[in-house]
């Protein structure tokens, strides 16, 4: 991604929707496995298990400050 027309507010809902959809698909898969009498495969790849964290929604300036790489000042 670039910062051209970057709108940070639109990404959190899109990420939540994608994670919710993924979890719904996992449940459908597990239900179908149960219905046909097979053991569902355990998905361990990061794409199948990743969950967003609270700190990922912090802006870049706040993250840099937390890492000690910049200091926020009032001008």
N, C-alpha and C. Protein backbone atom coordinates (compact mmCIF):
# COMPACT_ATOMS: atom_id res chain seq x y z
N UNK A 1 0.84 -1.18 0.00
CA UNK A 1 0.00 0.00 0.00
C UNK A 1 0.88 1.24 0.00
N UNK A 2 0.35 2.28 -0.55
CA UNK A 2 1.03 3.56 -0.50
C UNK A 2 0.15 4.53 0.26
N UNK A 3 0.66 5.71 0.51
CA UNK A 3 -0.13 6.69 1.23
C UNK A 3 -0.96 7.58 0.30
N UNK A 4 -1.02 7.27 -0.97
CA UNK A 4 -1.83 8.03 -1.90
C UNK A 4 -3.30 7.73 -1.63
N UNK A 5 -4.06 8.75 -1.28
CA UNK A 5 -5.47 8.60 -0.94
C UNK A 5 -5.67 7.56 0.16
N UNK A 6 -4.73 7.48 1.07
CA UNK A 6 -4.80 6.50 2.15
C UNK A 6 -5.84 6.93 3.17
N UNK A 7 -6.75 6.04 3.48
CA UNK A 7 -7.80 6.30 4.46
C UNK A 7 -7.74 5.19 5.50
N UNK A 8 -7.00 5.43 6.57
CA UNK A 8 -6.79 4.41 7.60
C UNK A 8 -8.09 3.97 8.26
N UNK A 9 -9.11 4.80 8.25
CA UNK A 9 -10.37 4.46 8.89
C UNK A 9 -11.13 3.35 8.16
N UNK A 10 -10.85 3.17 6.89
CA UNK A 10 -11.62 2.16 6.15
C UNK A 10 -11.07 0.75 6.32
N UNK A 11 -9.81 0.59 6.73
CA UNK A 11 -9.21 -0.73 6.82
C UNK A 11 -9.68 -1.58 8.00
N UNK A 12 -9.81 -1.04 9.21
CA UNK A 12 -10.27 -1.90 10.32
C UNK A 12 -11.58 -2.64 10.05
N UNK A 13 -12.62 -1.96 9.51
CA UNK A 13 -13.85 -2.72 9.22
C UNK A 13 -13.65 -3.78 8.14
N UNK A 14 -12.80 -3.50 7.15
CA UNK A 14 -12.55 -4.48 6.10
C UNK A 14 -11.81 -5.69 6.65
N UNK A 15 -10.84 -5.44 7.53
CA UNK A 15 -10.09 -6.54 8.14
C UNK A 15 -11.00 -7.38 9.01
N UNK A 16 -11.85 -6.71 9.81
CA UNK A 16 -12.79 -7.44 10.67
C UNK A 16 -13.73 -8.30 9.82
N UNK A 17 -14.23 -7.74 8.73
CA UNK A 17 -15.13 -8.48 7.85
C UNK A 17 -14.42 -9.72 7.27
N UNK A 18 -13.17 -9.57 6.87
CA UNK A 18 -12.42 -10.70 6.31
C UNK A 18 -12.20 -11.79 7.36
N UNK A 19 -11.84 -11.39 8.58
CA UNK A 19 -11.62 -12.37 9.65
C UNK A 19 -12.94 -13.07 10.00
N UNK A 20 -14.03 -12.30 10.10
CA UNK A 20 -15.34 -12.90 10.39
C UNK A 20 -15.73 -13.90 9.31
N UNK A 21 -15.49 -13.54 8.06
CA UNK A 21 -15.83 -14.43 6.94
C UNK A 21 -14.99 -15.71 7.01
N UNK A 22 -13.69 -15.55 7.29
CA UNK A 22 -12.82 -16.72 7.41
C UNK A 22 -13.30 -17.65 8.52
N UNK A 23 -13.66 -17.09 9.67
CA UNK A 23 -14.12 -17.91 10.78
C UNK A 23 -15.45 -18.60 10.45
N UNK A 24 -16.32 -17.91 9.73
CA UNK A 24 -17.58 -18.52 9.29
C UNK A 24 -17.32 -19.70 8.35
N UNK A 25 -16.38 -19.53 7.43
CA UNK A 25 -16.05 -20.62 6.52
C UNK A 25 -15.46 -21.81 7.26
N UNK A 26 -14.64 -21.55 8.28
CA UNK A 26 -14.10 -22.66 9.09
C UNK A 26 -15.23 -23.45 9.74
N UNK A 27 -16.22 -22.74 10.27
CA UNK A 27 -17.35 -23.41 10.92
C UNK A 27 -18.15 -24.23 9.92
N UNK A 28 -18.36 -23.70 8.73
CA UNK A 28 -19.07 -24.46 7.68
C UNK A 28 -18.29 -25.72 7.33
N UNK A 29 -16.99 -25.59 7.18
CA UNK A 29 -16.12 -26.73 6.87
C UNK A 29 -16.22 -27.79 7.96
N UNK A 30 -16.10 -27.35 9.22
CA UNK A 30 -16.16 -28.30 10.34
C UNK A 30 -17.53 -28.98 10.42
N UNK A 31 -18.59 -28.25 10.17
CA UNK A 31 -19.94 -28.83 10.17
C UNK A 31 -20.10 -29.87 9.07
N UNK A 32 -19.58 -29.56 7.89
CA UNK A 32 -19.68 -30.52 6.78
C UNK A 32 -18.86 -31.77 7.06
N UNK A 33 -17.68 -31.62 7.65
CA UNK A 33 -16.87 -32.79 8.02
C UNK A 33 -17.63 -33.66 9.01
N UNK A 34 -18.23 -33.02 9.98
CA UNK A 34 -19.00 -33.77 10.98
C UNK A 34 -20.17 -34.50 10.31
N UNK A 35 -20.84 -33.82 9.39
CA UNK A 35 -21.99 -34.41 8.71
C UNK A 35 -21.61 -35.67 7.94
N UNK A 36 -20.43 -35.64 7.29
CA UNK A 36 -20.03 -36.80 6.49
C UNK A 36 -19.15 -37.77 7.26
N UNK A 37 -18.89 -37.48 8.53
CA UNK A 37 -18.16 -38.41 9.38
C UNK A 37 -16.66 -38.42 9.21
N UNK A 38 -16.08 -37.28 8.85
CA UNK A 38 -14.62 -37.20 8.74
C UNK A 38 -14.07 -36.20 9.76
N UNK A 39 -12.82 -36.36 10.07
CA UNK A 39 -12.17 -35.44 11.00
C UNK A 39 -11.70 -34.21 10.24
N UNK A 40 -12.09 -33.02 10.69
CA UNK A 40 -11.64 -31.82 9.97
C UNK A 40 -10.14 -31.61 10.13
N UNK A 41 -9.54 -31.12 9.10
CA UNK A 41 -8.12 -30.79 9.12
C UNK A 41 -7.90 -29.57 10.01
N UNK A 42 -6.81 -29.55 10.76
CA UNK A 42 -6.47 -28.39 11.57
C UNK A 42 -5.60 -27.45 10.74
N UNK A 43 -6.10 -26.26 10.51
CA UNK A 43 -5.36 -25.27 9.73
C UNK A 43 -4.46 -24.48 10.67
N UNK A 44 -3.16 -24.53 10.44
CA UNK A 44 -2.21 -23.86 11.32
C UNK A 44 -1.45 -22.72 10.63
N UNK A 45 -1.65 -22.54 9.35
CA UNK A 45 -0.98 -21.46 8.63
C UNK A 45 -1.43 -20.12 9.21
N UNK A 46 -0.56 -19.13 9.15
CA UNK A 46 -0.90 -17.82 9.70
C UNK A 46 -2.15 -17.23 9.04
N UNK A 47 -2.36 -17.52 7.77
CA UNK A 47 -3.55 -17.00 7.09
C UNK A 47 -4.83 -17.53 7.71
N UNK A 48 -4.76 -18.71 8.31
CA UNK A 48 -5.94 -19.34 8.89
C UNK A 48 -6.11 -19.04 10.37
N UNK A 49 -5.08 -18.50 11.00
CA UNK A 49 -5.14 -18.31 12.45
C UNK A 49 -4.93 -16.87 12.90
N UNK A 50 -4.41 -16.01 12.03
CA UNK A 50 -4.08 -14.64 12.42
C UNK A 50 -5.32 -13.89 12.89
N UNK A 51 -5.15 -13.14 13.98
CA UNK A 51 -6.22 -12.27 14.49
C UNK A 51 -5.62 -10.88 14.70
N UNK A 52 -6.37 -9.83 14.37
CA UNK A 52 -5.85 -8.48 14.58
C UNK A 52 -5.67 -8.19 16.06
N UNK A 53 -4.70 -7.34 16.37
CA UNK A 53 -4.45 -6.93 17.74
C UNK A 53 -4.82 -5.46 17.90
N UNK A 54 -5.05 -5.07 19.13
CA UNK A 54 -5.46 -3.69 19.41
C UNK A 54 -4.40 -2.70 18.93
N UNK A 55 -3.11 -3.00 19.16
CA UNK A 55 -2.07 -2.04 18.81
C UNK A 55 -1.88 -1.85 17.31
N UNK A 56 -2.42 -2.76 16.50
CA UNK A 56 -2.26 -2.57 15.06
C UNK A 56 -3.08 -1.39 14.54
N UNK A 57 -4.04 -0.93 15.33
CA UNK A 57 -4.86 0.20 14.90
C UNK A 57 -4.22 1.53 15.26
N UNK A 58 -3.13 1.52 16.02
CA UNK A 58 -2.44 2.76 16.35
C UNK A 58 -1.84 3.35 15.08
N UNK A 59 -1.78 4.64 15.03
CA UNK A 59 -1.19 5.30 13.87
C UNK A 59 0.32 5.17 13.87
N UNK A 60 0.95 5.42 12.72
CA UNK A 60 2.39 5.23 12.61
C UNK A 60 3.19 6.11 13.58
N UNK A 61 2.75 7.32 13.84
CA UNK A 61 3.47 8.20 14.75
C UNK A 61 3.46 7.63 16.16
N UNK A 62 2.31 7.12 16.61
CA UNK A 62 2.22 6.53 17.94
C UNK A 62 3.11 5.30 18.05
N UNK A 63 3.17 4.49 16.99
CA UNK A 63 4.02 3.30 17.01
C UNK A 63 5.49 3.67 17.07
N UNK A 64 5.89 4.67 16.27
CA UNK A 64 7.28 5.11 16.29
C UNK A 64 7.65 5.67 17.66
N UNK A 65 6.75 6.42 18.26
CA UNK A 65 7.02 6.97 19.58
C UNK A 65 7.16 5.83 20.61
N UNK A 66 6.29 4.83 20.53
CA UNK A 66 6.36 3.71 21.45
C UNK A 66 7.68 2.96 21.32
N UNK A 67 8.23 2.94 20.11
CA UNK A 67 9.51 2.28 19.88
C UNK A 67 10.69 3.20 20.20
N UNK A 68 10.40 4.44 20.59
CA UNK A 68 11.47 5.38 20.91
C UNK A 68 12.14 5.97 19.68
N UNK A 69 11.50 5.85 18.52
CA UNK A 69 12.11 6.33 17.28
C UNK A 69 11.68 7.74 16.92
N UNK A 70 10.71 8.29 17.61
CA UNK A 70 10.35 9.70 17.41
C UNK A 70 9.65 10.17 18.67
N UNK A 71 9.54 11.47 18.79
CA UNK A 71 8.89 12.01 19.99
C UNK A 71 7.79 12.96 19.54
N UNK A 72 6.59 12.76 20.08
CA UNK A 72 5.49 13.65 19.78
C UNK A 72 5.66 14.91 20.61
N UNK A 73 5.52 16.05 19.96
CA UNK A 73 5.62 17.32 20.68
C UNK A 73 4.48 18.21 20.26
N UNK A 74 4.07 19.05 21.16
CA UNK A 74 3.06 20.06 20.82
C UNK A 74 3.77 21.28 20.26
N UNK A 75 3.36 21.74 19.12
CA UNK A 75 4.00 22.90 18.49
C UNK A 75 3.20 24.14 18.84
